[in-house]
PDB file of N, CA and C in Angstrom:
ATOM      1  N   MET A   1    -224.299   5.681  18.819  1.00  0.00           N
ATOM      2  CA  MET A   1    -222.964   6.221  18.748  1.00  0.00           C
ATOM      3  C   MET A   1    -222.953   7.654  18.228  1.00  0.00           C
ATOM      4  N   LEU A   2    -224.131   8.242  17.987  1.00  0.00           N
ATOM      5  CA  LEU A   2    -224.173   9.623  17.513  1.00  0.00           C
ATOM      6  C   LEU A   2    -223.608  10.598  18.536  1.00  0.00           C
ATOM      7  N   TYR A   3    -223.599  10.205  19.800  1.00  0.00           N
ATOM      8  CA  TYR A   3    -223.050  11.098  20.817  1.00  0.00           C
ATOM      9  C   TYR A   3    -221.582  11.410  20.554  1.00  0.00           C
ATOM     10  N   LEU A   4    -220.878  10.531  19.867  1.00  0.00           N
ATOM     11  CA  LEU A   4    -219.474  10.792  19.544  1.00  0.00           C
ATOM     12  C   LEU A   4    -219.338  11.975  18.584  1.00  0.00           C
ATOM     13  N   VAL A   5    -220.380  12.211  17.796  1.00  0.00           N
ATOM     14  CA  VAL A   5    -220.406  13.360  16.898  1.00  0.00           C
ATOM     15  C   VAL A   5    -221.009  14.574  17.607  1.00  0.00           C
ATOM     16  N   ASP A   6    -222.107  14.367  18.330  1.00  0.00           N
ATOM     17  CA  ASP A   6    -222.848  15.471  18.941  1.00  0.00           C
ATOM     18  C   ASP A   6    -222.153  16.111  20.138  1.00  0.00           C
ATOM     19  N   MET A   7    -221.612  15.312  21.017  1.00  0.00           N
ATOM     20  CA  MET A   7    -221.061  15.860  22.264  1.00  0.00           C
ATOM     21  C   MET A   7    -219.923  16.864  22.064  1.00  0.00           C
ATOM     22  N   PRO A   8    -218.998  16.647  21.138  1.00  0.00           N
ATOM     23  CA  PRO A   8    -217.951  17.659  20.938  1.00  0.00           C
ATOM     24  C   PRO A   8    -218.486  18.993  20.407  1.00  0.00           C
ATOM     25  N   LEU A   9    -219.715  19.005  19.893  1.00  0.00           N
ATOM     26  CA  LEU A   9    -220.328  20.226  19.372  1.00  0.00           C
ATOM     27  C   LEU A   9    -221.230  20.905  20.393  1.00  0.00           C
ATOM     28  N   THR A  10    -221.392  20.294  21.542  1.00  0.00           N
ATOM     29  CA  THR A  10    -222.316  20.766  22.565  1.00  0.00           C
ATOM     30  C   THR A  10    -221.813  22.040  23.230  1.00  0.00           C
ATOM     31  N   ASP A  11    -222.758  22.965  23.503  1.00  0.00           N
ATOM     32  CA  ASP A  11    -222.423  24.208  24.200  1.00  0.00           C
ATOM     33  C   ASP A  11    -222.821  24.170  25.668  1.00  0.00           C
ATOM     34  N   LEU A  12    -223.738  23.265  26.017  1.00  0.00           N
ATOM     35  CA  LEU A  12    -224.186  23.088  27.395  1.00  0.00           C
ATOM     36  C   LEU A  12    -224.698  21.662  27.518  1.00  0.00           C
ATOM     37  N   LEU A  13    -224.291  20.968  28.570  1.00  0.00           N
ATOM     38  CA  LEU A  13    -224.778  19.613  28.813  1.00  0.00           C
ATOM     39  C   LEU A  13    -225.628  19.637  30.072  1.00  0.00           C
ATOM     40  N   ILE A  14    -226.876  19.182  29.950  1.00  0.00           N
ATOM     41  CA  ILE A  14    -227.773  19.086  31.103  1.00  0.00           C
ATOM     42  C   ILE A  14    -227.980  17.608  31.393  1.00  0.00           C
ATOM     43  N   VAL A  15    -227.685  17.214  32.624  1.00  0.00           N
ATOM     44  CA  VAL A  15    -227.825  15.830  33.072  1.00  0.00           C
ATOM     45  C   VAL A  15    -228.870  15.836  34.182  1.00  0.00           C
ATOM     46  N   MET A  16    -229.887  14.953  34.071  1.00  0.00           N
ATOM     47  CA  MET A  16    -230.968  14.962  35.060  1.00  0.00           C
ATOM     48  C   MET A  16    -231.351  13.563  35.507  1.00  0.00           C
ATOM     49  N   GLY A  17    -231.613  13.438  36.792  1.00  0.00           N
ATOM     50  CA  GLY A  17    -232.209  12.235  37.345  1.00  0.00           C
ATOM     51  C   GLY A  17    -231.483  10.949  37.034  1.00  0.00           C
ATOM     52  N   THR A  18    -230.212  10.864  37.381  1.00  0.00           N
ATOM     53  CA  THR A  18    -229.432   9.673  37.039  1.00  0.00           C
ATOM     54  C   THR A  18    -228.355   9.402  38.075  1.00  0.00           C
ATOM     55  N   SER A  19    -227.961   8.160  38.164  1.00  0.00           N
ATOM     56  CA  SER A  19    -226.834   7.787  39.029  1.00  0.00           C
ATOM     57  C   SER A  19    -225.521   7.861  38.262  1.00  0.00           C
ATOM     58  N   LEU A  20    -225.599   7.981  36.945  1.00  0.00           N
ATOM     59  CA  LEU A  20    -224.431   7.946  36.055  1.00  0.00           C
ATOM     60  C   LEU A  20    -223.576   6.703  36.310  1.00  0.00           C
ATOM     61  N   GLU A  21    -224.263   5.577  36.508  1.00  0.00           N
ATOM     62  CA  GLU A  21    -223.565   4.312  36.728  1.00  0.00           C
ATOM     63  C   GLU A  21    -223.814   3.301  35.614  1.00  0.00           C
ATOM     64  N   VAL A  22    -224.744   3.601  34.715  1.00  0.00           N
ATOM     65  CA  VAL A  22    -225.088   2.669  33.647  1.00  0.00           C
ATOM     66  C   VAL A  22    -224.410   3.127  32.353  1.00  0.00           C
ATOM     67  N   TYR A  23    -223.597   2.243  31.820  1.00  0.00           N
ATOM     68  CA  TYR A  23    -222.836   2.564  30.608  1.00  0.00           C
ATOM     69  C   TYR A  23    -223.534   1.988  29.389  1.00  0.00           C
ATOM     70  N   PRO A  24    -223.452   2.631  28.249  1.00  0.00           N
ATOM     71  CA  PRO A  24    -222.509   3.673  27.861  1.00  0.00           C
ATOM     72  C   PRO A  24    -222.954   5.091  28.189  1.00  0.00           C
ATOM     73  N   VAL A  25    -224.205   5.281  28.629  1.00  0.00           N
ATOM     74  CA  VAL A  25    -224.706   6.634  28.878  1.00  0.00           C
ATOM     75  C   VAL A  25    -223.861   7.382  29.907  1.00  0.00           C
ATOM     76  N   ALA A  26    -223.385   6.707  30.922  1.00  0.00           N
ATOM     77  CA  ALA A  26    -222.593   7.369  31.963  1.00  0.00           C
ATOM     78  C   ALA A  26    -221.327   8.021  31.415  1.00  0.00           C
ATOM     79  N   ASP A  27    -220.845   7.522  30.311  1.00  0.00           N
ATOM     80  CA  ASP A  27    -219.624   8.073  29.702  1.00  0.00           C
ATOM     81  C   ASP A  27    -219.849   9.369  28.930  1.00  0.00           C
ATOM     82  N   ILE A  28    -221.082   9.650  28.577  1.00  0.00           N
ATOM     83  CA  ILE A  28    -221.363  10.795  27.713  1.00  0.00           C
ATOM     84  C   ILE A  28    -220.846  12.099  28.313  1.00  0.00           C
ATOM     85  N   ILE A  29    -220.884  12.228  29.628  1.00  0.00           N
ATOM     86  CA  ILE A  29    -220.453  13.492  30.247  1.00  0.00           C
ATOM     87  C   ILE A  29    -219.000  13.821  29.957  1.00  0.00           C
ATOM     88  N   TRP A  30    -218.213  12.847  29.566  1.00  0.00           N
ATOM     89  CA  TRP A  30    -216.790  13.066  29.292  1.00  0.00           C
ATOM     90  C   TRP A  30    -216.517  13.469  27.852  1.00  0.00           C
ATOM     91  N   TYR A  31    -217.518  13.430  26.992  1.00  0.00           N
ATOM     92  CA  TYR A  31    -217.305  13.720  25.579  1.00  0.00           C
ATOM     93  C   TYR A  31    -217.545  15.180  25.204  1.00  0.00           C
ATOM     94  N   VAL A  32    -217.978  16.007  26.151  1.00  0.00           N
ATOM     95  CA  VAL A  32    -218.090  17.442  25.865  1.00  0.00           C
ATOM     96  C   VAL A  32    -216.727  18.088  26.077  1.00  0.00           C
ATOM     97  N   ARG A  33    -216.496  19.190  25.388  1.00  0.00           N
ATOM     98  CA  ARG A  33    -215.223  19.897  25.531  1.00  0.00           C
ATOM     99  C   ARG A  33    -215.029  20.344  26.985  1.00  0.00           C
ATOM    100  N   PRO A  34    -213.801  20.462  27.453  1.00  0.00           N
ATOM    101  CA  PRO A  34    -213.531  20.832  28.850  1.00  0.00           C
ATOM    102  C   PRO A  34    -214.109  22.182  29.267  1.00  0.00           C
ATOM    103  N   ASN A  35    -214.266  23.102  28.335  1.00  0.00           N
ATOM    104  CA  ASN A  35    -214.797  24.421  28.676  1.00  0.00           C
ATOM    105  C   ASN A  35    -216.326  24.487  28.648  1.00  0.00           C
ATOM    106  N   VAL A  36    -216.995  23.397  28.299  1.00  0.00           N
ATOM    107  CA  VAL A  36    -218.461  23.368  28.211  1.00  0.00           C
ATOM    108  C   VAL A  36    -219.057  23.202  29.608  1.00  0.00           C
ATOM    109  N   PRO A  37    -219.972  24.114  30.001  1.00  0.00           N
ATOM    110  CA  PRO A  37    -220.634  23.949  31.299  1.00  0.00           C
ATOM    111  C   PRO A  37    -221.487  22.682  31.309  1.00  0.00           C
ATOM    112  N   ARG A  38    -221.464  21.997  32.438  1.00  0.00           N
ATOM    113  CA  ARG A  38    -222.292  20.801  32.628  1.00  0.00           C
ATOM    114  C   ARG A  38    -223.195  21.069  33.826  1.00  0.00           C
ATOM    115  N   LEU A  39    -224.507  20.951  33.625  1.00  0.00           N
ATOM    116  CA  LEU A  39    -225.488  21.183  34.677  1.00  0.00           C
ATOM    117  C   LEU A  39    -226.078  19.844  35.094  1.00  0.00           C
ATOM    118  N   LEU A  40    -225.978  19.535  36.373  1.00  0.00           N
ATOM    119  CA  LEU A  40    -226.591  18.328  36.931  1.00  0.00           C
ATOM    120  C   LEU A  40    -227.801  18.743  37.749  1.00  0.00           C
ATOM    121  N   ILE A  41    -228.969  18.203  37.411  1.00  0.00           N
ATOM    122  CA  ILE A  41    -230.192  18.391  38.190  1.00  0.00           C
ATOM    123  C   ILE A  41    -230.539  17.010  38.716  1.00  0.00           C
ATOM    124  N   ASN A  42    -230.355  16.805  40.027  1.00  0.00           N
ATOM    125  CA  ASN A  42    -230.436  15.451  40.570  1.00  0.00           C
ATOM    126  C   ASN A  42    -230.621  15.511  42.083  1.00  0.00           C
ATOM    127  N   LYS A  43    -231.164  14.449  42.654  1.00  0.00           N
ATOM    128  CA  LYS A  43    -231.301  14.394  44.117  1.00  0.00           C
ATOM    129  C   LYS A  43    -229.953  14.330  44.812  1.00  0.00           C
ATOM    130  N   THR A  44    -228.990  13.683  44.166  1.00  0.00           N
ATOM    131  CA  THR A  44    -227.655  13.575  44.761  1.00  0.00           C
ATOM    132  C   THR A  44    -226.604  13.961  43.734  1.00  0.00           C
ATOM    133  N   SER A  45    -225.481  14.408  44.231  1.00  0.00           N
ATOM    134  CA  SER A  45    -224.352  14.707  43.361  1.00  0.00           C
ATOM    135  C   SER A  45    -223.673  13.384  43.022  1.00  0.00           C
ATOM    136  N   VAL A  46    -223.416  13.158  41.746  1.00  0.00           N
ATOM    137  CA  VAL A  46    -222.883  11.867  41.301  1.00  0.00           C
ATOM    138  C   VAL A  46    -221.667  12.047  40.407  1.00  0.00           C
ATOM    139  N   SER A  47    -220.916  10.977  40.259  1.00  0.00           N
ATOM    140  CA  SER A  47    -219.785  10.896  39.339  1.00  0.00           C
ATOM    141  C   SER A  47    -218.821  12.053  39.554  1.00  0.00           C
ATOM    142  N   SER A  48    -218.331  12.621  38.469  1.00  0.00           N
ATOM    143  CA  SER A  48    -217.351  13.703  38.585  1.00  0.00           C
ATOM    144  C   SER A  48    -217.971  14.966  39.165  1.00  0.00           C
ATOM    145  N   PHE A  49    -219.291  15.086  39.140  1.00  0.00           N
ATOM    146  CA  PHE A  49    -219.943  16.233  39.766  1.00  0.00           C
ATOM    147  C   PHE A  49    -219.692  16.211  41.274  1.00  0.00           C
ATOM    148  N   ALA A  50    -219.747  15.030  41.870  1.00  0.00           N
ATOM    149  CA  ALA A  50    -219.512  14.891  43.308  1.00  0.00           C
ATOM    150  C   ALA A  50    -218.078  15.247  43.674  1.00  0.00           C
ATOM    151  N   ASP A  51    -217.172  14.970  42.765  1.00  0.00           N
ATOM    152  CA  ASP A  51    -215.751  15.248  43.008  1.00  0.00           C
ATOM    153  C   ASP A  51    -215.356  16.675  42.658  1.00  0.00           C
ATOM    154  N   LYS A  52    -216.331  17.457  42.159  1.00  0.00           N
ATOM    155  CA  LYS A  52    -216.052  18.830  41.708  1.00  0.00           C
ATOM    156  C   LYS A  52    -214.874  18.843  40.736  1.00  0.00           C
ATOM    157  N   TYR A  53    -214.931  17.921  39.792  1.00  0.00           N
ATOM    158  CA  TYR A  53    -213.853  17.708  38.832  1.00  0.00           C
ATOM    159  C   TYR A  53    -213.629  18.912  37.919  1.00  0.00           C
ATOM    160  N   ARG A  54    -214.715  19.549  37.497  1.00  0.00           N
ATOM    161  CA  ARG A  54    -214.614  20.699  36.592  1.00  0.00           C
ATOM    162  C   ARG A  54    -215.127  21.951  37.289  1.00  0.00           C
ATOM    163  N   LYS A  55    -214.411  23.042  37.126  1.00  0.00           N
ATOM    164  CA  LYS A  55    -214.816  24.282  37.789  1.00  0.00           C
ATOM    165  C   LYS A  55    -216.089  24.864  37.191  1.00  0.00           C
ATOM    166  N   ASN A  56    -216.432  24.495  35.955  1.00  0.00           N
ATOM    167  CA  ASN A  56    -217.643  25.024  35.337  1.00  0.00           C
ATOM    168  C   ASN A  56    -218.843  24.082  35.464  1.00  0.00           C
ATOM    169  N   ASP A  57    -218.748  23.084  36.333  1.00  0.00           N
ATOM    170  CA  ASP A  57    -219.901  22.237  36.643  1.00  0.00           C
ATOM    171  C   ASP A  57    -220.840  22.996  37.568  1.00  0.00           C
ATOM    172  N   VAL A  58    -222.139  22.818  37.343  1.00  0.00           N
ATOM    173  CA  VAL A  58    -223.155  23.422  38.196  1.00  0.00           C
ATOM    174  C   VAL A  58    -224.069  22.299  38.652  1.00  0.00           C
ATOM    175  N   ILE A  59    -224.403  22.300  39.945  1.00  0.00           N
ATOM    176  CA  ILE A  59    -225.256  21.245  40.496  1.00  0.00           C
ATOM    177  C   ILE A  59    -226.479  21.872  41.148  1.00  0.00           C
ATOM    178  N   PHE A  60    -227.672  21.416  40.738  1.00  0.00           N
ATOM    179  CA  PHE A  60    -228.898  21.713  41.469  1.00  0.00           C
ATOM    180  C   PHE A  60    -229.243  20.415  42.170  1.00  0.00           C
ATOM    181  N   GLN A  61    -229.045  20.381  43.478  1.00  0.00           N
ATOM    182  CA  GLN A  61    -229.303  19.157  44.228  1.00  0.00           C
ATOM    183  C   GLN A  61    -230.698  19.235  44.824  1.00  0.00           C
ATOM    184  N   GLY A  62    -231.571  18.355  44.350  1.00  0.00           N
ATOM    185  CA  GLY A  62    -232.952  18.338  44.799  1.00  0.00           C
ATOM    186  C   GLY A  62    -233.817  17.616  43.786  1.00  0.00           C
ATOM    187  N   ASP A  63    -235.112  17.851  43.889  1.00  0.00           N
ATOM    188  CA  ASP A  63    -236.091  17.226  43.012  1.00  0.00           C
ATOM    189  C   ASP A  63    -235.879  17.677  41.564  1.00  0.00           C
ATOM    190  N   VAL A  64    -235.903  16.736  40.634  1.00  0.00           N
ATOM    191  CA  VAL A  64    -235.655  17.037  39.225  1.00  0.00           C
ATOM    192  C   VAL A  64    -236.704  18.004  38.674  1.00  0.00           C
ATOM    193  N   ILE A  65    -237.960  17.760  38.956  1.00  0.00           N
ATOM    194  CA  ILE A  65    -239.014  18.635  38.431  1.00  0.00           C
ATOM    195  C   ILE A  65    -238.843  20.054  38.961  1.00  0.00           C
ATOM    196  N   GLU A  66    -238.539  20.192  40.243  1.00  0.00           N
ATOM    197  CA  GLU A  66    -238.306  21.527  40.809  1.00  0.00           C
ATOM    198  C   GLU A  66    -237.093  22.184  40.162  1.00  0.00           C
ATOM    199  N   GLY A  67    -236.050  21.411  39.919  1.00  0.00           N
ATOM    200  CA  GLY A  67    -234.858  21.945  39.265  1.00  0.00           C
ATOM    201  C   GLY A  67    -235.145  22.431  37.861  1.00  0.00           C
ATOM    202  N   VAL A  68    -235.932  21.669  37.119  1.00  0.00           N
ATOM    203  CA  VAL A  68    -236.297  22.067  35.757  1.00  0.00           C
ATOM    204  C   VAL A  68    -237.162  23.322  35.798  1.00  0.00           C
ATOM    205  N   LYS A  69    -238.092  23.394  36.752  1.00  0.00           N
ATOM    206  CA  LYS A  69    -238.931  24.591  36.882  1.00  0.00           C
ATOM    207  C   LYS A  69    -238.078  25.821  37.172  1.00  0.00           C
ATOM    208  N   LYS A  70    -237.092  25.682  38.035  1.00  0.00           N
ATOM    209  CA  LYS A  70    -236.208  26.815  38.349  1.00  0.00           C
ATOM    210  C   LYS A  70    -235.379  27.214  37.137  1.00  0.00           C
ATOM    211  N   LEU A  71    -234.876  26.228  36.401  1.00  0.00           N
ATOM    212  CA  LEU A  71    -234.110  26.522  35.193  1.00  0.00           C
ATOM    213  C   LEU A  71    -234.983  27.258  34.182  1.00  0.00           C
ATOM    214  N   CYS A  72    -236.185  26.758  33.959  1.00  0.00           N
ATOM    215  CA  CYS A  72    -237.091  27.391  32.997  1.00  0.00           C
ATOM    216  C   CYS A  72    -237.493  28.797  33.446  1.00  0.00           C
ATOM    217  N   ALA A  73    -237.679  29.000  34.738  1.00  0.00           N
ATOM    218  CA  ALA A  73    -237.982  30.341  35.247  1.00  0.00           C
ATOM    219  C   ALA A  73    -236.809  31.278  34.984  1.00  0.00           C
ATOM    220  N   PHE A  74    -235.607  30.787  35.191  1.00  0.00           N
ATOM    221  CA  PHE A  74    -234.398  31.594  35.005  1.00  0.00           C
ATOM    222  C   PHE A  74    -234.248  32.066  33.563  1.00  0.00           C
ATOM    223  N   ILE A  75    -234.593  31.208  32.611  1.00  0.00           N
ATOM    224  CA  ILE A  75    -234.413  31.566  31.200  1.00  0.00           C
ATOM    225  C   ILE A  75    -235.711  32.031  30.531  1.00  0.00           C
ATOM    226  N   GLY A  76    -236.770  32.196  31.330  1.00  0.00           N
ATOM    227  CA  GLY A  76    -238.012  32.739  30.787  1.00  0.00           C
ATOM    228  C   GLY A  76    -238.870  31.761  30.017  1.00  0.00           C
ATOM    229  N   TRP A  77    -238.795  30.486  30.355  1.00  0.00           N
ATOM    230  CA  TRP A  77    -239.564  29.460  29.660  1.00  0.00           C
ATOM    231  C   TRP A  77    -240.680  28.873  30.521  1.00  0.00           C
ATOM    232  N   GLU A  78    -241.152  29.582  31.519  1.00  0.00           N
ATOM    233  CA  GLU A  78    -242.186  29.030  32.405  1.00  0.00           C
ATOM    234  C   GLU A  78    -243.454  28.670  31.635  1.00  0.00           C
ATOM    235  N   LYS A  79    -243.879  29.551  30.741  1.00  0.00           N
ATOM    236  CA  LYS A  79    -245.102  29.310  29.970  1.00  0.00           C
ATOM    237  C   LYS A  79    -244.958  28.059  29.097  1.00  0.00           C
ATOM    238  N   GLU A  80    -243.823  27.937  28.405  1.00  0.00           N
ATOM    239  CA  GLU A  80    -243.605  26.781  27.529  1.00  0.00           C
ATOM    240  C   GLU A  80    -243.533  25.477  28.325  1.00  0.00           C
ATOM    241  N   LEU A  81    -242.887  25.520  29.476  1.00  0.00           N
ATOM    242  CA  LEU A  81    -242.817  24.325  30.322  1.00  0.00           C
ATOM    243  C   LEU A  81    -244.204  23.942  30.811  1.00  0.00           C
ATOM    244  N   GLN A  82    -244.980  24.929  31.249  1.00  0.00           N
ATOM    245  CA  GLN A  82    -246.332  24.637  31.735  1.00  0.00           C
ATOM    246  C   GLN A  82    -247.181  24.035  30.623  1.00  0.00           C
ATOM    247  N   GLN A  83    -247.010  24.542  29.394  1.00  0.00           N
ATOM    248  CA  GLN A  83    -247.741  23.986  28.252  1.00  0.00           C
ATOM    249  C   GLN A  83    -247.365  22.521  28.043  1.00  0.00           C
ATOM    250  N   LEU A  84    -246.090  22.215  28.108  1.00  0.00           N
ATOM    251  CA  LEU A  84    -245.648  20.823  27.965  1.00  0.00           C
ATOM    252  C   LEU A  84    -246.229  19.946  29.066  1.00  0.00           C
ATOM    253  N   MET A  85    -246.203  20.446  30.289  1.00  0.00           N
ATOM    254  CA  MET A  85    -246.703  19.655  31.411  1.00  0.00           C
ATOM    255  C   MET A  85    -248.214  19.476  31.323  1.00  0.00           C
ATOM    256  N   ASP A  86    -248.931  20.538  30.932  1.00  0.00           N
ATOM    257  CA  ASP A  86    -250.390  20.443  30.797  1.00  0.00           C
ATOM    258  C   ASP A  86    -250.783  19.428  29.730  1.00  0.00           C
ATOM    259  N   ASN A  87    -250.029  19.390  28.641  1.00  0.00           N
ATOM    260  CA  ASN A  87    -250.330  18.474  27.539  1.00  0.00           C
ATOM    261  C   ASN A  87    -249.625  17.135  27.680  1.00  0.00           C
ATOM    262  N   ARG A  88    -248.855  16.986  28.735  1.00  0.00           N
ATOM    263  CA  ARG A  88    -248.109  15.768  29.025  1.00  0.00           C
ATOM    264  C   ARG A  88    -247.266  15.338  27.819  1.00  0.00           C
ATOM    265  N   GLY A  89    -246.817  16.330  27.029  1.00  0.00           N
ATOM    266  CA  GLY A  89    -245.936  16.042  25.903  1.00  0.00           C
ATOM    267  C   GLY A  89    -246.608  15.364  24.735  1.00  0.00           C
ATOM    268  N   ASN A  90    -247.942  15.386  24.679  1.00  0.00           N
ATOM    269  CA  ASN A  90    -248.646  14.643  23.634  1.00  0.00           C
ATOM    270  C   ASN A  90    -248.879  15.413  22.348  1.00  0.00           C
ATOM    271  N   ASP A  91    -248.413  16.632  22.287  1.00  0.00           N
ATOM    272  CA  ASP A  91    -248.547  17.376  21.038  1.00  0.00           C
ATOM    273  C   ASP A  91    -247.245  18.110  20.752  1.00  0.00           C
ATOM    274  N   ILE A  92    -247.207  18.776  19.637  1.00  0.00           N
ATOM    275  CA  ILE A  92    -246.014  19.537  19.284  1.00  0.00           C
ATOM    276  C   ILE A  92    -246.078  20.879  19.988  1.00  0.00           C
ATOM    277  N   CYS A  93    -245.013  21.221  20.641  1.00  0.00           N
ATOM    278  CA  CYS A  93    -244.891  22.537  21.248  1.00  0.00           C
ATOM    279  C   CYS A  93    -244.340  23.453  20.153  1.00  0.00           C
ATOM    280  N   PRO A  94    -245.161  24.330  19.570  1.00  0.00           N
ATOM    281  CA  PRO A  94    -244.750  25.047  18.369  1.00  0.00           C
ATOM    282  C   PRO A  94    -243.602  26.030  18.547  1.00  0.00           C
ATOM    283  N   VAL A  95    -243.463  26.604  19.704  1.00  0.00           N
ATOM    284  CA  VAL A  95    -242.383  27.573  19.903  1.00  0.00           C
ATOM    285  C   VAL A  95    -241.646  27.203  21.176  1.00  0.00           C
ATOM    286  N   PHE A  96    -240.604  26.431  21.032  1.00  0.00           N
ATOM    287  CA  PHE A  96    -239.785  26.037  22.182  1.00  0.00           C
ATOM    288  C   PHE A  96    -238.338  26.197  21.769  1.00  0.00           C
ATOM    289  N   PRO A  97    -237.714  27.329  22.118  1.00  0.00           N
ATOM    290  CA  PRO A  97    -236.373  27.621  21.611  1.00  0.00           C
ATOM    291  C   PRO A  97    -235.288  26.746  22.202  1.00  0.00           C
ATOM    292  N   VAL A  98    -234.225  26.593  21.445  1.00  0.00           N
ATOM    293  CA  VAL A  98    -233.019  25.917  21.895  1.00  0.00           C
ATOM    294  C   VAL A  98    -232.168  26.975  22.563  1.00  0.00           C
ATOM    295  N   PHE A  99    -231.598  26.661  23.727  1.00  0.00           N
ATOM    296  CA  PHE A  99    -230.783  27.685  24.379  1.00  0.00           C
ATOM    297  C   PHE A  99    -229.362  27.220  24.590  1.00  0.00           C
ATOM    298  N   ILE A 100    -228.507  28.205  24.690  1.00  0.00           N
ATOM    299  CA  ILE A 100    -227.103  27.956  24.979  1.00  0.00           C
ATOM    300  C   ILE A 100    -226.743  28.844  26.152  1.00  0.00           C
ATOM    301  N   LYS A 101    -226.434  28.254  27.288  1.00  0.00           N
ATOM    302  CA  LYS A 101    -226.043  29.054  28.446  1.00  0.00           C
ATOM    303  C   LYS A 101    -224.530  29.172  28.421  1.00  0.00           C
ATOM    304  N   GLU A 102    -224.085  30.394  28.350  1.00  0.00           N
ATOM    305  CA  GLU A 102    -222.653  30.628  28.344  1.00  0.00           C
ATOM    306  C   GLU A 102    -222.233  31.051  29.741  1.00  0.00           C
ATOM    307  N   ALA A 103    -220.979  31.331  29.929  1.00  0.00           N
ATOM    308  CA  ALA A 103    -220.473  31.726  31.238  1.00  0.00           C
ATOM    309  C   ALA A 103    -221.248  32.918  31.787  1.00  0.00           C
ATOM    310  N   VAL A 104    -221.620  33.835  30.916  1.00  0.00           N
ATOM    311  CA  VAL A 104    -222.414  34.991  31.337  1.00  0.00           C
ATOM    312  C   VAL A 104    -223.617  35.084  30.426  1.00  0.00           C
ATOM    313  N   GLY A 105    -224.811  34.997  31.009  1.00  0.00           N
ATOM    314  CA  GLY A 105    -226.034  35.191  30.250  1.00  0.00           C
ATOM    315  C   GLY A 105    -226.538  33.960  29.542  1.00  0.00           C
ATOM    316  N   VAL A 106    -227.652  34.158  28.854  1.00  0.00           N
ATOM    317  CA  VAL A 106    -228.310  33.085  28.116  1.00  0.00           C
ATOM    318  C   VAL A 106    -228.646  33.618  26.736  1.00  0.00           C
ATOM    319  N   THR A 107    -228.349  32.866  25.711  1.00  0.00           N
ATOM    320  CA  THR A 107    -228.756  33.249  24.366  1.00  0.00           C
ATOM    321  C   THR A 107    -229.800  32.252  23.894  1.00  0.00           C
ATOM    322  N   VAL A 108    -230.758  32.726  23.144  1.00  0.00           N
ATOM    323  CA  VAL A 108    -231.851  31.876  22.682  1.00  0.00           C
ATOM    324  C   VAL A 108    -231.906  31.946  21.164  1.00  0.00           C
ATOM    325  N   SER A 109    -231.984  30.801  20.528  1.00  0.00           N
ATOM    326  CA  SER A 109    -232.046  30.776  19.063  1.00  0.00           C
ATOM    327  C   SER A 109    -233.493  30.816  18.600  1.00  0.00           C
ATOM    328  N   GLU A 110    -233.688  30.936  17.297  1.00  0.00           N
ATOM    329  CA  GLU A 110    -235.018  31.011  16.703  1.00  0.00           C
ATOM    330  C   GLU A 110    -235.552  29.628  16.322  1.00  0.00           C
ATOM    331  N   ARG A 111    -234.785  28.595  16.538  1.00  0.00           N
ATOM    332  CA  ARG A 111    -235.144  27.255  16.077  1.00  0.00           C
ATOM    333  C   ARG A 111    -236.349  26.705  16.843  1.00  0.00           C
ATOM    334  N   THR A 112    -237.206  25.976  16.156  1.00  0.00           N
ATOM    335  CA  THR A 112    -238.363  25.334  16.768  1.00  0.00           C
ATOM    336  C   THR A 112    -238.100  23.836  16.872  1.00  0.00           C
ATOM    337  N   LEU A 113    -238.469  23.271  18.008  1.00  0.00           N
ATOM    338  CA  LEU A 113    -238.267  21.843  18.213  1.00  0.00           C
ATOM    339  C   LEU A 113    -239.568  21.084  18.004  1.00  0.00           C
ATOM    340  N   SER A 114    -239.467  19.881  17.486  1.00  0.00           N
ATOM    341  CA  SER A 114    -240.630  19.015  17.346  1.00  0.00           C
ATOM    342  C   SER A 114    -240.934  18.361  18.690  1.00  0.00           C
ATOM    343  N   TYR A 115    -242.065  17.699  18.764  1.00  0.00           N
ATOM    344  CA  TYR A 115    -242.443  16.980  19.978  1.00  0.00           C
ATOM    345  C   TYR A 115    -241.350  16.004  20.391  1.00  0.00           C
ATOM    346  N   HIS A 116    -240.806  15.249  19.449  1.00  0.00           N
ATOM    347  CA  HIS A 116    -239.800  14.239  19.776  1.00  0.00           C
ATOM    348  C   HIS A 116    -238.518  14.878  20.289  1.00  0.00           C
ATOM    349  N   GLU A 117    -238.136  16.019  19.732  1.00  0.00           N
ATOM    350  CA  GLU A 117    -236.947  16.713  20.219  1.00  0.00           C
ATOM    351  C   GLU A 117    -237.174  17.251  21.625  1.00  0.00           C
ATOM    352  N   VAL A 118    -238.365  17.816  21.862  1.00  0.00           N
ATOM    353  CA  VAL A 118    -238.680  18.329  23.197  1.00  0.00           C
ATOM    354  C   VAL A 118    -238.696  17.186  24.197  1.00  0.00           C
ATOM    355  N   LYS A 119    -239.330  16.084  23.820  1.00  0.00           N
ATOM    356  CA  LYS A 119    -239.378  14.930  24.713  1.00  0.00           C
ATOM    357  C   LYS A 119    -237.969  14.422  25.008  1.00  0.00           C
ATOM    358  N   ALA A 120    -237.095  14.486  24.019  1.00  0.00           N
ATOM    359  CA  ALA A 120    -235.714  14.048  24.205  1.00  0.00           C
ATOM    360  C   ALA A 120    -234.972  14.926  25.202  1.00  0.00           C
ATOM    361  N   LEU A 121    -235.481  16.146  25.432  1.00  0.00           N
ATOM    362  CA  LEU A 121    -234.855  17.016  26.424  1.00  0.00           C
ATOM    363  C   LEU A 121    -235.085  16.507  27.840  1.00  0.00           C
ATOM    364  N   ASN A 122    -236.018  15.577  28.019  1.00  0.00           N
ATOM    365  CA  ASN A 122    -236.277  14.967  29.323  1.00  0.00           C
ATOM    366  C   ASN A 122    -236.635  16.010  30.368  1.00  0.00           C
ATOM    367  N   PHE A 123    -237.634  16.852  30.064  1.00  0.00           N
ATOM    368  CA  PHE A 123    -238.032  17.898  30.985  1.00  0.00           C
ATOM    369  C   PHE A 123    -238.959  17.407  32.095  1.00  0.00           C
ATOM    370  N   GLY A 124    -238.900  16.154  32.457  1.00  0.00           N
ATOM    371  CA  GLY A 124    -239.631  15.654  33.617  1.00  0.00           C
ATOM    372  C   GLY A 124    -241.136  15.585  33.435  1.00  0.00           C
ATOM    373  N   VAL A 125    -241.614  15.548  32.185  1.00  0.00           N
ATOM    374  CA  VAL A 125    -243.057  15.474  31.971  1.00  0.00           C
ATOM    375  C   VAL A 125    -243.436  14.111  31.459  1.00  0.00           C
TER     376      VAL A 125
END
């Protein structure tokens, strides 16, 4: 139930590889503020993404791994992603910044994530 606390504080929601049909997880997309961009990386457009419910929804329709690679290339994280993939997530990635994609541009914080936090990002590794 921590999502009830976390989602209203979210600046960007990334949804990957899901049908959004299994609850309670399928409901999480509705708990972010209306102005928060939601990015779907998936083979098919699903749920409210398919209905184009929000104007700030972004859909990458295709292979999840390819979508993640394109996202990481866009924000300059190709090296960090390759390190995660090479190590198959079995160690701590010492410098993996948290990002917030706003309507214009990308900002990157100085925070470092642990292995478990990186794995929780579900980067397809």
